[in-house]
All heavy atoms as atom14 arrays in JSON, in Angstrom:
{
  "sequence": "VSCISNTEGESFYVDSVKGRFTISSDNAKNTVYLQMNSLKPEDT",
  "atom14_mask": [
    [1, 1, 1, 1, 1, 1, 1, 0, 0, 0, 0, 0, 0, 0],
    [1, 1, 1, 1, 1, 1, 0, 0, 0, 0, 0, 0, 0, 0],
    [1, 1, 1, 1, 1, 1, 0, 0, 0, 0, 0, 0, 0, 0],
    [1, 1, 1, 1, 1, 1, 1, 1, 0, 0, 0, 0, 0, 0],
    [1, 1, 1, 1, 1, 1, 0, 0, 0, 0, 0, 0, 0, 0],
    [1, 1, 1, 1, 1, 1, 1, 1, 0, 0, 0, 0, 0, 0],
    [1, 1, 1, 1, 1, 1, 1, 0, 0, 0, 0, 0, 0, 0],
    [1, 1, 1, 1, 1, 1, 1, 1, 1, 0, 0, 0, 0, 0],
    [1, 1, 1, 1, 0, 0, 0, 0, 0, 0, 0, 0, 0, 0],
    [1, 1, 1, 1, 1, 1, 1, 1, 1, 0, 0, 0, 0, 0],
    [1, 1, 1, 1, 1, 1, 0, 0, 0, 0, 0, 0, 0, 0],
    [1, 1, 1, 1, 1, 1, 1, 1, 1, 1, 1, 0, 0, 0],
    [1, 1, 1, 1, 1, 1, 1, 1, 1, 1, 1, 1, 0, 0],
    [1, 1, 1, 1, 1, 1, 1, 0, 0, 0, 0, 0, 0, 0],
    [1, 1, 1, 1, 1, 1, 1, 1, 0, 0, 0, 0, 0, 0],
    [1, 1, 1, 1, 1, 1, 0, 0, 0, 0, 0, 0, 0, 0],
    [1, 1, 1, 1, 1, 1, 1, 0, 0, 0, 0, 0, 0, 0],
    [1, 1, 1, 1, 1, 1, 1, 1, 1, 0, 0, 0, 0, 0],
    [1, 1, 1, 1, 0, 0, 0, 0, 0, 0, 0, 0, 0, 0],
    [1, 1, 1, 1, 1, 1, 1, 1, 1, 1, 1, 0, 0, 0],
    [1, 1, 1, 1, 1, 1, 1, 1, 1, 1, 1, 0, 0, 0],
    [1, 1, 1, 1, 1, 1, 1, 0, 0, 0, 0, 0, 0, 0],
    [1, 1, 1, 1, 1, 1, 1, 1, 0, 0, 0, 0, 0, 0],
    [1, 1, 1, 1, 1, 1, 0, 0, 0, 0, 0, 0, 0, 0],
    [1, 1, 1, 1, 1, 1, 0, 0, 0, 0, 0, 0, 0, 0],
    [1, 1, 1, 1, 1, 1, 1, 1, 0, 0, 0, 0, 0, 0],
    [1, 1, 1, 1, 1, 1, 1, 1, 0, 0, 0, 0, 0, 0],
    [1, 1, 1, 1, 1, 0, 0, 0, 0, 0, 0, 0, 0, 0],
    [1, 1, 1, 1, 1, 1, 1, 1, 1, 0, 0, 0, 0, 0],
    [1, 1, 1, 1, 1, 1, 1, 1, 0, 0, 0, 0, 0, 0],
    [1, 1, 1, 1, 1, 1, 1, 0, 0, 0, 0, 0, 0, 0],
    [1, 1, 1, 1, 1, 1, 1, 0, 0, 0, 0, 0, 0, 0],
    [1, 1, 1, 1, 1, 1, 1, 1, 1, 1, 1, 1, 0, 0],
    [1, 1, 1, 1, 1, 1, 1, 1, 0, 0, 0, 0, 0, 0],
    [1, 1, 1, 1, 1, 1, 1, 1, 1, 0, 0, 0, 0, 0],
    [1, 1, 1, 1, 1, 1, 1, 1, 0, 0, 0, 0, 0, 0],
    [1, 1, 1, 1, 1, 1, 1, 1, 0, 0, 0, 0, 0, 0],
    [1, 1, 1, 1, 1, 1, 0, 0, 0, 0, 0, 0, 0, 0],
    [1, 1, 1, 1, 1, 1, 1, 1, 0, 0, 0, 0, 0, 0],
    [1, 1, 1, 1, 1, 1, 1, 1, 1, 0, 0, 0, 0, 0],
    [1, 1, 1, 1, 1, 1, 1, 0, 0, 0, 0, 0, 0, 0],
    [1, 1, 1, 1, 1, 1, 1, 1, 1, 0, 0, 0, 0, 0],
    [1, 1, 1, 1, 1, 1, 1, 1, 0, 0, 0, 0, 0, 0],
    [1, 1, 1, 1, 1, 1, 1, 0, 0, 0, 0, 0, 0, 0]
  ],
  "atom14_positions": [
    [[-200.12, -117.78, -36.88], [-199.33, -117.78, -38.11], [-198.53, -119.06, -38.26], [-198.51, -119.68, -39.33], [-198.39, -116.57, -38.15], [-197.5, -116.6, -39.38], [-199.19, -115.27, -38.1], [0.0, 0.0, 0.0], [0.0, 0.0, 0.0], [0.0, 0.0, 0.0], [0.0, 0.0, 0.0], [0.0, 0.0, 0.0], [0.0, 0.0, 0.0], [0.0, 0.0, 0.0]],
    [[-197.84, -119.46, -37.2], [-196.97, -120.62, -37.27], [-196.74, -121.16, -35.87], [-197.02, -120.48, -34.88], [-195.63, -120.24, -37.92], [-194.82, -121.37, -38.15], [0.0, 0.0, 0.0], [0.0, 0.0, 0.0], [0.0, 0.0, 0.0], [0.0, 0.0, 0.0], [0.0, 0.0, 0.0], [0.0, 0.0, 0.0], [0.0, 0.0, 0.0], [0.0, 0.0, 0.0]],
    [[-196.24, -122.36, -35.8], [-195.99, -123.02, -34.52], [-194.91, -124.07, -34.72], [-194.79, -124.65, -35.81], [-197.27, -123.66, -33.98], [-197.07, -124.62, -32.47], [0.0, 0.0, 0.0], [0.0, 0.0, 0.0], [0.0, 0.0, 0.0], [0.0, 0.0, 0.0], [0.0, 0.0, 0.0], [0.0, 0.0, 0.0], [0.0, 0.0, 0.0], [0.0, 0.0, 0.0]],
    [[-194.14, -124.31, -33.67], [-193.14, -125.37, -33.7], [-193.19, -126.14, -32.39], [-193.33, -125.56, -31.32], [-191.73, -124.82, -33.99], [-190.74, -125.96, -34.23], [-191.26, -123.9, -32.86], [-189.43, -125.5, -34.84], [0.0, 0.0, 0.0], [0.0, 0.0, 0.0], [0.0, 0.0, 0.0], [0.0, 0.0, 0.0], [0.0, 0.0, 0.0], [0.0, 0.0, 0.0]],
    [[-193.08, -127.46, -32.5], [-193.04, -128.34, -31.34], [-191.86, -129.3, -31.5], [-191.86, -130.14, -32.41], [-194.33, -129.13, -31.2], [-194.2, -130.15, -30.22], [0.0, 0.0, 0.0], [0.0, 0.0, 0.0], [0.0, 0.0, 0.0], [0.0, 0.0, 0.0], [0.0, 0.0, 0.0], [0.0, 0.0, 0.0], [0.0, 0.0, 0.0], [0.0, 0.0, 0.0]],
    [[-190.88, -129.17, -30.63], [-189.73, -130.07, -30.67], [-190.08, -131.45, -30.15], [-189.61, -132.46, -30.69], [-188.57, -129.49, -29.87], [-187.93, -128.3, -30.55], [-187.78, -128.28, -31.77], [-187.55, -127.31, -29.76], [0.0, 0.0, 0.0], [0.0, 0.0, 0.0], [0.0, 0.0, 0.0], [0.0, 0.0, 0.0], [0.0, 0.0, 0.0], [0.0, 0.0, 0.0]],
    [[-190.92, -131.54, -29.11], [-191.26, -132.83, -28.53], [-192.09, -133.67, -29.49], [-191.94, -134.9, -29.53], [-192.02, -132.65, -27.22], [-193.19, -131.86, -27.43], [-191.15, -131.99, -26.17], [0.0, 0.0, 0.0], [0.0, 0.0, 0.0], [0.0, 0.0, 0.0], [0.0, 0.0, 0.0], [0.0, 0.0, 0.0], [0.0, 0.0, 0.0], [0.0, 0.0, 0.0]],
    [[-192.99, -133.04, -30.25], [-193.82, -133.76, -31.2], [-193.22, -133.8, -32.59], [-193.75, -134.51, -33.47], [-195.22, -133.15, -31.25], [-195.93, -133.12, -29.91], [-196.15, -134.5, -29.35], [-196.37, -135.45, -30.14], [-196.09, -134.66, -28.11], [0.0, 0.0, 0.0], [0.0, 0.0, 0.0], [0.0, 0.0, 0.0], [0.0, 0.0, 0.0], [0.0, 0.0, 0.0]],
    [[-192.15, -133.06, -32.83], [-191.51, -133.04, -34.13], [-192.41, -132.51, -35.23], [-192.43, -133.06, -36.33], [0.0, 0.0, 0.0], [0.0, 0.0, 0.0], [0.0, 0.0, 0.0], [0.0, 0.0, 0.0], [0.0, 0.0, 0.0], [0.0, 0.0, 0.0], [0.0, 0.0, 0.0], [0.0, 0.0, 0.0], [0.0, 0.0, 0.0], [0.0, 0.0, 0.0]],
    [[-193.14, -131.46, -34.94], [-194.09, -130.94, -35.9], [-194.02, -129.43, -35.97], [-193.54, -128.76, -35.05], [-195.52, -131.38, -35.55], [-196.04, -130.82, -34.24], [-197.42, -131.35, -33.89], [-197.77, -132.45, -34.36], [-198.14, -130.67, -33.13], [0.0, 0.0, 0.0], [0.0, 0.0, 0.0], [0.0, 0.0, 0.0], [0.0, 0.0, 0.0], [0.0, 0.0, 0.0]],
    [[-194.51, -128.91, -37.08], [-194.64, -127.48, -37.27], [-195.95, -127.2, -38.0], [-196.55, -128.1, -38.59], [-193.46, -126.91, -38.04], [-193.34, -127.51, -39.32], [0.0, 0.0, 0.0], [0.0, 0.0, 0.0], [0.0, 0.0, 0.0], [0.0, 0.0, 0.0], [0.0, 0.0, 0.0], [0.0, 0.0, 0.0], [0.0, 0.0, 0.0], [0.0, 0.0, 0.0]],
    [[-196.36, -125.96, -37.94], [-197.62, -125.56, -38.55], [-197.46, -124.19, -39.19], [-196.75, -123.33, -38.67], [-198.73, -125.49, -37.49], [-199.95, -124.75, -37.95], [-200.9, -125.37, -38.75], [-200.13, -123.41, -37.63], [-202.01, -124.68, -39.2], [-201.24, -122.71, -38.07], [-202.18, -123.36, -38.87], [0.0, 0.0, 0.0], [0.0, 0.0, 0.0], [0.0, 0.0, 0.0]],
    [[-198.15, -124.0, -40.32], [-198.23, -122.7, -40.98], [-199.65, -122.45, -41.43], [-200.3, -123.34, -41.99], [-197.32, -122.63, -42.2], [-195.87, -122.91, -41.92], [-195.34, -124.19, -42.04], [-195.02, -121.88, -41.53], [-194.01, -124.44, -41.77], [-193.68, -122.12, -41.26], [-193.19, -123.4, -41.38], [-191.86, -123.65, -41.12], [0.0, 0.0, 0.0], [0.0, 0.0, 0.0]],
    [[-200.13, -121.25, -41.19], [-201.42, -120.87, -41.75], [-201.28, -120.81, -43.27], [-200.21, -120.52, -43.81], [-201.89, -119.52, -41.16], [-201.01, -118.38, -41.63], [-203.35, -119.26, -41.47], [0.0, 0.0, 0.0], [0.0, 0.0, 0.0], [0.0, 0.0, 0.0], [0.0, 0.0, 0.0], [0.0, 0.0, 0.0], [0.0, 0.0, 0.0], [0.0, 0.0, 0.0]],
    [[-202.37, -121.12, -43.98], [-202.3, -121.24, -45.44], [-201.73, -120.0, -46.11], [-201.01, -120.11, -47.12], [-203.69, -121.53, -46.01], [-204.14, -122.95, -45.76], [-203.3, -123.8, -45.4], [-205.34, -123.22, -45.95], [0.0, 0.0, 0.0], [0.0, 0.0, 0.0], [0.0, 0.0, 0.0], [0.0, 0.0, 0.0], [0.0, 0.0, 0.0], [0.0, 0.0, 0.0]],
    [[-202.02, -118.84, -45.58], [-201.61, -117.6, -46.23], [-200.1, -117.37, -46.23], [-199.61, -116.54, -46.99], [-202.31, -116.4, -45.59], [-201.97, -116.29, -44.22], [0.0, 0.0, 0.0], [0.0, 0.0, 0.0], [0.0, 0.0, 0.0], [0.0, 0.0, 0.0], [0.0, 0.0, 0.0], [0.0, 0.0, 0.0], [0.0, 0.0, 0.0], [0.0, 0.0, 0.0]],
    [[-199.36, -118.11, -45.4], [-197.91, -117.92, -45.34], [-197.13, -119.15, -45.78], [-195.9, -119.1, -45.85], [-197.44, -117.49, -43.94], [-198.24, -116.29, -43.45], [-197.51, -118.63, -42.94], [0.0, 0.0, 0.0], [0.0, 0.0, 0.0], [0.0, 0.0, 0.0], [0.0, 0.0, 0.0], [0.0, 0.0, 0.0], [0.0, 0.0, 0.0], [0.0, 0.0, 0.0]],
    [[-197.81, -120.24, -46.1], [-197.11, -121.45, -46.53], [-196.28, -121.19, -47.77], [-196.74, -120.55, -48.71], [-198.12, -122.57, -46.8], [-198.65, -123.24, -45.56], [-199.58, -124.4, -45.9], [-200.06, -125.1, -44.65], [-201.01, -126.19, -44.96], [0.0, 0.0, 0.0], [0.0, 0.0, 0.0], [0.0, 0.0, 0.0], [0.0, 0.0, 0.0], [0.0, 0.0, 0.0]],
    [[-195.06, -121.69, -47.74], [-194.14, -121.48, -48.84], [-193.36, -120.19, -48.76], [-192.42, -120.01, -49.53], [0.0, 0.0, 0.0], [0.0, 0.0, 0.0], [0.0, 0.0, 0.0], [0.0, 0.0, 0.0], [0.0, 0.0, 0.0], [0.0, 0.0, 0.0], [0.0, 0.0, 0.0], [0.0, 0.0, 0.0], [0.0, 0.0, 0.0], [0.0, 0.0, 0.0]],
    [[-193.74, -119.3, -47.86], [-193.06, -118.02, -47.7], [-192.37, -117.89, -46.34], [-191.32, -117.27, -46.25], [-194.04, -116.86, -47.88], [-194.71, -116.84, -49.25], [-195.5, -115.55, -49.46], [-196.59, -115.41, -48.5], [-196.7, -114.42, -47.63], [-195.78, -113.45, -47.58], [-197.74, -114.37, -46.81], [0.0, 0.0, 0.0], [0.0, 0.0, 0.0], [0.0, 0.0, 0.0]],
    [[-192.98, -118.43, -45.3], [-192.44, -118.33, -43.95], [-191.88, -119.68, -43.52], [-192.41, -120.73, -43.88], [-193.52, -117.92, -42.95], [-194.03, -116.52, -43.08], [-193.71, -115.72, -44.17], [-194.86, -115.99, -42.09], [-194.19, -114.42, -44.28], [-195.34, -114.7, -42.19], [-195.02, -113.91, -43.29], [0.0, 0.0, 0.0], [0.0, 0.0, 0.0], [0.0, 0.0, 0.0]],
    [[-190.83, -119.64, -42.71], [-190.23, -120.84, -42.16], [-189.95, -120.63, -40.68], [-189.29, -119.67, -40.3], [-188.92, -121.2, -42.87], [-189.16, -121.37, -44.27], [-188.35, -122.5, -42.31], [0.0, 0.0, 0.0], [0.0, 0.0, 0.0], [0.0, 0.0, 0.0], [0.0, 0.0, 0.0], [0.0, 0.0, 0.0], [0.0, 0.0, 0.0], [0.0, 0.0, 0.0]],
    [[-190.45, -121.54, -39.85], [-190.2, -121.48, -38.42], [-189.08, -122.45, -38.08], [-188.96, -123.53, -38.66], [-191.48, -121.79, -37.62], [-191.3, -121.44, -36.14], [-191.91, -123.24, -37.78], [-192.6, -121.44, -35.35], [0.0, 0.0, 0.0], [0.0, 0.0, 0.0], [0.0, 0.0, 0.0], [0.0, 0.0, 0.0], [0.0, 0.0, 0.0], [0.0, 0.0, 0.0]],
    [[-188.24, -122.06, -37.14], [-187.14, -122.9, -36.7], [-186.8, -122.58, -35.26], [-187.26, -121.58, -34.71], [-185.9, -122.71, -37.6], [-185.42, -121.38, -37.52], [0.0, 0.0, 0.0], [0.0, 0.0, 0.0], [0.0, 0.0, 0.0], [0.0, 0.0, 0.0], [0.0, 0.0, 0.0], [0.0, 0.0, 0.0], [0.0, 0.0, 0.0], [0.0, 0.0, 0.0]],
    [[-186.01, -123.44, -34.64], [-185.61, -123.22, -33.25], [-184.13, -123.5, -33.07], [-183.55, -124.34, -33.78], [-186.43, -124.09, -32.3], [-186.2, -125.47, -32.53], [0.0, 0.0, 0.0], [0.0, 0.0, 0.0], [0.0, 0.0, 0.0], [0.0, 0.0, 0.0], [0.0, 0.0, 0.0], [0.0, 0.0, 0.0], [0.0, 0.0, 0.0], [0.0, 0.0, 0.0]],
    [[-183.53, -122.79, -32.15], [-182.14, -122.99, -31.76], [-182.18, -123.34, -30.28], [-182.32, -122.46, -29.42], [-181.32, -121.74, -32.02], [-179.84, -121.93, -31.71], [-179.49, -122.84, -30.95], [-179.02, -121.16, -32.25], [0.0, 0.0, 0.0], [0.0, 0.0, 0.0], [0.0, 0.0, 0.0], [0.0, 0.0, 0.0], [0.0, 0.0, 0.0], [0.0, 0.0, 0.0]],
    [[-182.07, -124.62, -29.97], [-182.21, -125.05, -28.58], [-181.09, -124.53, -27.69], [-181.31, -124.29, -26.5], [-182.24, -126.58, -28.52], [-183.51, -127.16, -29.11], [-184.57, -126.53, -29.07], [-183.42, -128.37, -29.64], [0.0, 0.0, 0.0], [0.0, 0.0, 0.0], [0.0, 0.0, 0.0], [0.0, 0.0, 0.0], [0.0, 0.0, 0.0], [0.0, 0.0, 0.0]],
    [[-179.91, -124.33, -28.24], [-178.8, -123.8, -27.45], [-179.05, -122.38, -26.99], [-178.52, -121.95, -25.96], [-177.5, -123.88, -28.24], [0.0, 0.0, 0.0], [0.0, 0.0, 0.0], [0.0, 0.0, 0.0], [0.0, 0.0, 0.0], [0.0, 0.0, 0.0], [0.0, 0.0, 0.0], [0.0, 0.0, 0.0], [0.0, 0.0, 0.0], [0.0, 0.0, 0.0]],
    [[-179.84, -121.63, -27.75], [-180.14, -120.25, -27.42], [-181.56, -120.05, -26.9], [-181.95, -118.9, -26.61], [-179.91, -119.35, -28.64], [-178.48, -119.34, -29.14], [-178.32, -118.43, -30.34], [-178.5, -116.97, -29.96], [-177.4, -116.48, -29.08], [0.0, 0.0, 0.0], [0.0, 0.0, 0.0], [0.0, 0.0, 0.0], [0.0, 0.0, 0.0], [0.0, 0.0, 0.0]],
    [[-182.33, -121.13, -26.79], [-183.73, -121.05, -26.34], [-184.51, -120.02, -27.17], [-185.29, -119.23, -26.63], [-183.82, -120.71, -24.85], [-183.26, -121.81, -23.98], [-183.18, -122.97, -24.38], [-182.87, -121.46, -22.76], [0.0, 0.0, 0.0], [0.0, 0.0, 0.0], [0.0, 0.0, 0.0], [0.0, 0.0, 0.0], [0.0, 0.0, 0.0], [0.0, 0.0, 0.0]],
    [[-184.3, -120.06, -28.45], [-184.85, -119.05, -29.34], [-185.56, -119.7, -30.52], [-185.06, -120.68, -31.09], [-183.75, -118.11, -29.85], [-183.16, -117.43, -28.74], [-184.31, -117.08, -30.82], [0.0, 0.0, 0.0], [0.0, 0.0, 0.0], [0.0, 0.0, 0.0], [0.0, 0.0, 0.0], [0.0, 0.0, 0.0], [0.0, 0.0, 0.0], [0.0, 0.0, 0.0]],
    [[-186.71, -119.15, -30.86], [-187.47, -119.56, -32.04], [-187.41, -118.43, -33.06], [-187.51, -117.25, -32.7], [-188.93, -119.9, -31.68], [-189.76, -120.12, -32.94], [-188.98, -121.14, -30.81], [0.0, 0.0, 0.0], [0.0, 0.0, 0.0], [0.0, 0.0, 0.0], [0.0, 0.0, 0.0], [0.0, 0.0, 0.0], [0.0, 0.0, 0.0], [0.0, 0.0, 0.0]],
    [[-187.25, -118.78, -34.32], [-187.16, -117.82, -35.4], [-188.32, -117.98, -36.37], [-188.86, -119.08, -36.53], [-185.84, -117.99, -36.16], [-184.62, -117.88, -35.3], [-184.01, -119.01, -34.78], [-184.07, -116.64, -35.0], [-182.89, -118.92, -33.98], [-182.95, -116.54, -34.19], [-182.36, -117.67, -33.69], [-181.25, -117.57, -32.89], [0.0, 0.0, 0.0], [0.0, 0.0, 0.0]],
    [[-188.68, -116.9, -37.0], [-189.63, -116.92, -38.09], [-189.01, -116.19, -39.26], [-188.93, -114.96, -39.25], [-190.96, -116.29, -37.69], [-192.08, -116.42, -38.72], [-192.51, -117.88, -38.86], [-193.28, -115.56, -38.34], [0.0, 0.0, 0.0], [0.0, 0.0, 0.0], [0.0, 0.0, 0.0], [0.0, 0.0, 0.0], [0.0, 0.0, 0.0], [0.0, 0.0, 0.0]],
    [[-188.54, -116.95, -40.24], [-187.99, -116.37, -41.46], [-189.14, -116.06, -42.4], [-189.89, -116.97, -42.79], [-187.01, -117.34, -42.12], [-186.41, -116.84, -43.42], [-185.5, -115.66, -43.23], [-184.65, -115.67, -42.33], [-185.67, -114.63, -44.04], [0.0, 0.0, 0.0], [0.0, 0.0, 0.0], [0.0, 0.0, 0.0], [0.0, 0.0, 0.0], [0.0, 0.0, 0.0]],
    [[-189.29, -114.81, -42.77], [-190.4, -114.36, -43.59], [-189.84, -113.86, -44.92], [-189.13, -112.85, -44.96], [-191.19, -113.26, -42.89], [-191.66, -113.64, -41.49], [-192.76, -112.4, -40.76], [-191.63, -110.99, -40.68], [0.0, 0.0, 0.0], [0.0, 0.0, 0.0], [0.0, 0.0, 0.0], [0.0, 0.0, 0.0], [0.0, 0.0, 0.0], [0.0, 0.0, 0.0]],
    [[-190.17, -114.56, -45.99], [-189.73, -114.2, -47.33], [-190.93, -113.81, -48.18], [-192.07, -114.1, -47.85], [-189.0, -115.37, -47.99], [-187.74, -115.77, -47.25], [-187.04, -114.94, -46.69], [-187.43, -117.07, -47.28], [0.0, 0.0, 0.0], [0.0, 0.0, 0.0], [0.0, 0.0, 0.0], [0.0, 0.0, 0.0], [0.0, 0.0, 0.0], [0.0, 0.0, 0.0]],
    [[-190.65, -113.16, -49.29], [-191.69, -112.75, -50.24], [-192.83, -112.03, -49.52], [-194.01, -112.33, -49.73], [-192.22, -113.97, -51.01], [-191.19, -114.62, -51.71], [0.0, 0.0, 0.0], [0.0, 0.0, 0.0], [0.0, 0.0, 0.0], [0.0, 0.0, 0.0], [0.0, 0.0, 0.0], [0.0, 0.0, 0.0], [0.0, 0.0, 0.0], [0.0, 0.0, 0.0]],
    [[-192.47, -111.09, -48.7], [-193.46, -110.4, -47.87], [-194.43, -109.59, -48.71], [-194.07, -109.03, -49.75], [-192.76, -109.5, -46.86], [-192.17, -110.25, -45.66], [-191.14, -109.4, -44.95], [-193.29, -110.67, -44.71], [0.0, 0.0, 0.0], [0.0, 0.0, 0.0], [0.0, 0.0, 0.0], [0.0, 0.0, 0.0], [0.0, 0.0, 0.0], [0.0, 0.0, 0.0]],
    [[-195.66, -109.56, -48.23], [-196.75, -108.85, -48.89], [-197.3, -107.78, -47.95], [-197.18, -107.91, -46.73], [-197.88, -109.82, -49.24], [-197.47, -111.0, -50.1], [-198.63, -111.97, -50.29], [-198.23, -113.15, -51.15], [-199.36, -114.1, -51.33], [0.0, 0.0, 0.0], [0.0, 0.0, 0.0], [0.0, 0.0, 0.0], [0.0, 0.0, 0.0], [0.0, 0.0, 0.0]],
    [[-197.91, -106.73, -48.5], [-198.5, -105.71, -47.62], [-199.48, -106.29, -46.6], [-199.56, -105.76, -45.48], [-199.2, -104.77, -48.6], [-198.38, -104.88, -49.85], [-197.98, -106.33, -49.92], [0.0, 0.0, 0.0], [0.0, 0.0, 0.0], [0.0, 0.0, 0.0], [0.0, 0.0, 0.0], [0.0, 0.0, 0.0], [0.0, 0.0, 0.0], [0.0, 0.0, 0.0]],
    [[-200.2, -107.33, -46.95], [-201.14, -107.93, -46.02], [-200.47, -108.66, -44.87], [-201.15, -109.1, -43.93], [-202.11, -108.88, -46.74], [-201.43, -109.89, -47.64], [-201.43, -109.47, -49.1], [-201.09, -108.31, -49.38], [-201.77, -110.31, -49.96], [0.0, 0.0, 0.0], [0.0, 0.0, 0.0], [0.0, 0.0, 0.0], [0.0, 0.0, 0.0], [0.0, 0.0, 0.0]],
    [[-199.15, -108.81, -44.9], [-198.41, -109.35, -43.77], [-198.16, -108.3, -42.69], [-197.66, -108.64, -41.62], [-197.07, -109.94, -44.22], [-197.22, -111.14, -45.13], [-198.09, -112.0, -44.86], [-196.46, -111.23, -46.12], [0.0, 0.0, 0.0], [0.0, 0.0, 0.0], [0.0, 0.0, 0.0], [0.0, 0.0, 0.0], [0.0, 0.0, 0.0], [0.0, 0.0, 0.0]],
    [[-198.47, -107.05, -42.98], [-198.26, -105.98, -42.01], [-199.08, -106.23, -40.75], [-200.3, -106.41, -40.81], [-198.64, -104.63, -42.62], [-197.76, -104.34, -43.71], [-198.54, -103.52, -41.59], [0.0, 0.0, 0.0], [0.0, 0.0, 0.0], [0.0, 0.0, 0.0], [0.0, 0.0, 0.0], [0.0, 0.0, 0.0], [0.0, 0.0, 0.0], [0.0, 0.0, 0.0]]
  ]
}
């Protein structure tokens, strides 16, 4: 669905979620987030 790389400074989204999902990271918490907006039944 998505990917994030801090060392390469890049991110990736599969076409079906582009514009709706956002990946991010919080290095202080060692946590990656996936914000999912405009959800569709096919995202189940």
